[in-house]
C-alpha atoms as a PDB file:
ATOM      1  CA  UNK A   1      91.224  97.781  87.706  1.00  0.00           C
ATOM      2  CA  UNK A   2      92.331 100.722  89.773  1.00  0.00           C
ATOM      3  CA  UNK A   3      92.288 102.116  93.286  1.00  0.00           C
ATOM      4  CA  UNK A   4      92.803 105.685  94.530  1.00  0.00           C
ATOM      5  CA  UNK A   5      94.572 106.198  97.848  1.00  0.00           C
ATOM      6  CA  UNK A   6      94.939 109.288 100.030  1.00  0.00           C
ATOM      7  CA  UNK A   7      97.890 109.796 102.372  1.00  0.00           C
ATOM      8  CA  UNK A   8      99.364 112.435 104.627  1.00  0.00           C
ATOM      9  CA  UNK A   9     102.782 113.639 103.394  1.00  0.00           C
ATOM     10  CA  UNK A  10     105.631 111.403 104.529  1.00  0.00           C
ATOM     11  CA  UNK A  11     103.447 108.407 105.366  1.00  0.00           C
ATOM     12  CA  UNK A  12     105.533 105.218 105.345  1.00  0.00           C
ATOM     13  CA  UNK A  13     102.877 103.185 103.520  1.00  0.00           C
ATOM     14  CA  UNK A  14     103.618 105.104 100.306  1.00  0.00           C
ATOM     15  CA  UNK A  15     107.183 103.776 100.160  1.00  0.00           C
ATOM     16  CA  UNK A  16     105.993 100.336 101.189  1.00  0.00           C
ATOM     17  CA  UNK A  17     103.675 100.274  98.163  1.00  0.00           C
ATOM     18  CA  UNK A  18     106.502 101.209  95.800  1.00  0.00           C
ATOM     19  CA  UNK A  19     108.826  98.590  97.313  1.00  0.00           C
ATOM     20  CA  UNK A  20     106.302  95.745  97.243  1.00  0.00           C
ATOM     21  CA  UNK A  21     107.217  93.150  94.608  1.00  0.00           C
ATOM     22  CA  UNK A  22     103.694  92.904  93.156  1.00  0.00           C
ATOM     23  CA  UNK A  23     102.479  96.488  93.580  1.00  0.00           C
ATOM     24  CA  UNK A  24     105.744  98.039  92.399  1.00  0.00           C
ATOM     25  CA  UNK A  25     105.242  96.525  88.941  1.00  0.00           C
ATOM     26  CA  UNK A  26     101.865  98.197  88.459  1.00  0.00           C
ATOM     27  CA  UNK A  27     101.128 101.653  87.091  1.00  0.00           C
ATOM     28  CA  UNK A  28     101.442 104.051  90.051  1.00  0.00           C
ATOM     29  CA  UNK A  29     100.803 107.767  89.693  1.00  0.00           C
ATOM     30  CA  UNK A  30     101.543 110.015  92.664  1.00  0.00           C
ATOM     31  CA  UNK A  31     100.149 113.561  92.876  1.00  0.00           C
ATOM     32  CA  UNK A  32      99.761 116.098  95.649  1.00  0.00           C
ATOM     33  CA  UNK A  33      96.436 117.838  96.259  1.00  0.00           C
ATOM     34  CA  UNK A  34      97.647 121.232  95.041  1.00  0.00           C
ATOM     35  CA  UNK A  35      98.789 119.852  91.679  1.00  0.00           C
ATOM     36  CA  UNK A  36      95.253 118.540  91.192  1.00  0.00           C
ATOM     37  CA  UNK A  37      93.707 121.898  92.087  1.00  0.00           C
ATOM     38  CA  UNK A  38      92.516 120.690  95.490  1.00  0.00           C
ATOM     39  CA  UNK A  39      92.835 122.193  98.960  1.00  0.00           C
ATOM     40  CA  UNK A  40      95.124 120.628 101.526  1.00  0.00           C
ATOM     41  CA  UNK A  41      98.484 118.916 101.374  1.00  0.00           C
ATOM     42  CA  UNK A  42      97.443 115.281 100.975  1.00  0.00           C
ATOM     43  CA  UNK A  43      99.156 112.896  98.584  1.00  0.00           C
ATOM     44  CA  UNK A  44      97.013 110.890  96.158  1.00  0.00           C
ATOM     45  CA  UNK A  45      98.125 107.637  94.573  1.00  0.00           C
ATOM     46  CA  UNK A  46      96.385 106.053  91.628  1.00  0.00           C
ATOM     47  CA  UNK A  47      97.331 102.413  91.199  1.00  0.00           C
ATOM     48  CA  UNK A  48      96.175 100.597  88.075  1.00  0.00           C
ATOM     49  CA  UNK A  49      96.811  96.908  87.666  1.00  0.00           C
ATOM     50  CA  UNK A  50      95.595  93.357  87.968  1.00  0.00           C
ATOM     51  CA  UNK A  51      92.962  92.164  90.401  1.00  0.00           C
ATOM     52  CA  UNK A  52      95.626  90.454  92.500  1.00  0.00           C
ATOM     53  CA  UNK A  53      97.760  93.598  92.611  1.00  0.00           C
ATOM     54  CA  UNK A  54      94.833  95.788  93.669  1.00  0.00           C
ATOM     55  CA  UNK A  55      94.076  93.277  96.424  1.00  0.00           C
ATOM     56  CA  UNK A  56      97.679  93.603  97.609  1.00  0.00           C
ATOM     57  CA  UNK A  57      97.470  97.421  97.453  1.00  0.00           C
ATOM     58  CA  UNK A  58      94.428  97.307  99.718  1.00  0.00           C
ATOM     59  CA  UNK A  59      96.239  95.011 102.170  1.00  0.00           C
ATOM     60  CA  UNK A  60      99.164  97.415 102.460  1.00  0.00           C
ATOM     61  CA  UNK A  61      97.231 100.712 102.328  1.00  0.00           C
ATOM     62  CA  UNK A  62      94.604  99.733 104.863  1.00  0.00           C
ATOM     63  CA  UNK A  63      92.228 102.613 105.557  1.00  0.00           C
ATOM     64  CA  UNK A  64      93.977 104.967 103.095  1.00  0.00           C
ATOM     65  CA  UNK A  65      91.701 103.919 100.233  1.00  0.00           C
ATOM     66  CA  UNK A  66      89.580 106.826  99.080  1.00  0.00           C
ATOM     67  CA  UNK A  67      85.892 106.018  99.583  1.00  0.00           C
ATOM     68  CA  UNK A  68      84.172 109.196  98.355  1.00  0.00           C
ATOM     69  CA  UNK A  69      84.940 111.237  95.253  1.00  0.00           C
ATOM     70  CA  UNK A  70      87.046 108.458  93.759  1.00  0.00           C
ATOM     71  CA  UNK A  71      85.950 109.119  90.185  1.00  0.00           C
ATOM     72  CA  UNK A  72      86.602 112.867  90.552  1.00  0.00           C
ATOM     73  CA  UNK A  73      90.184 112.310  91.750  1.00  0.00           C
ATOM     74  CA  UNK A  74      90.737 109.619  89.114  1.00  0.00           C
ATOM     75  CA  UNK A  75      89.681 112.050  86.373  1.00  0.00           C
ATOM     76  CA  UNK A  76      91.862 114.853  87.761  1.00  0.00           C
ATOM     77  CA  UNK A  77      94.921 112.576  87.846  1.00  0.00           C
ATOM     78  CA  UNK A  78      94.269 111.334  84.310  1.00  0.00           C
ATOM     79  CA  UNK A  79      93.800 114.911  83.047  1.00  0.00           C
ATOM     80  CA  UNK A  80      97.097 115.950  84.671  1.00  0.00           C
ATOM     81  CA  UNK A  81      98.840 112.989  83.016  1.00  0.00           C
ATOM     82  CA  UNK A  82      97.333 113.906  79.648  1.00  0.00           C
ATOM     83  CA  UNK A  83      98.520 117.516  79.977  1.00  0.00           C
ATOM     84  CA  UNK A  84     101.994 116.342  80.940  1.00  0.00           C
ATOM     85  CA  UNK A  85     102.255 113.995  77.967  1.00  0.00           C
ATOM     86  CA  UNK A  86     101.017 116.706  75.586  1.00  0.00           C
ATOM     87  CA  UNK A  87     103.639 119.071  76.982  1.00  0.00           C
ATOM     88  CA  UNK A  88     106.386 116.501  76.455  1.00  0.00           C
ATOM     89  CA  UNK A  89     105.134 115.944  72.899  1.00  0.00           C
ATOM     90  CA  UNK A  90     105.408 119.663  72.180  1.00  0.00           C
ATOM     91  CA  UNK A  91     108.977 119.711  73.516  1.00  0.00           C
ATOM     92  CA  UNK A  92     110.212 116.584  71.751  1.00  0.00           C
ATOM     93  CA  UNK A  93     107.682 116.466  68.885  1.00  0.00           C
END
């Protein structure tokens, strides 16, 4: 399971998610809009984990859950991760 969240830069809920005992153990990928080729200065978080963890993410994040274009942002984050891992493979391969 996964959830995509959208925050304004510096929003306290981002740190709260990382510090949470359950959420902090999940896969969390943080990207800014520009790094994903998007306009604006928002911060996107992709959290992948168990059903219970996603429930906790939603409790903490409140109305920061992305409702529209979720799949598009998910794909962009995954593509960026893939490119990063390929780059690291070329360096250390």
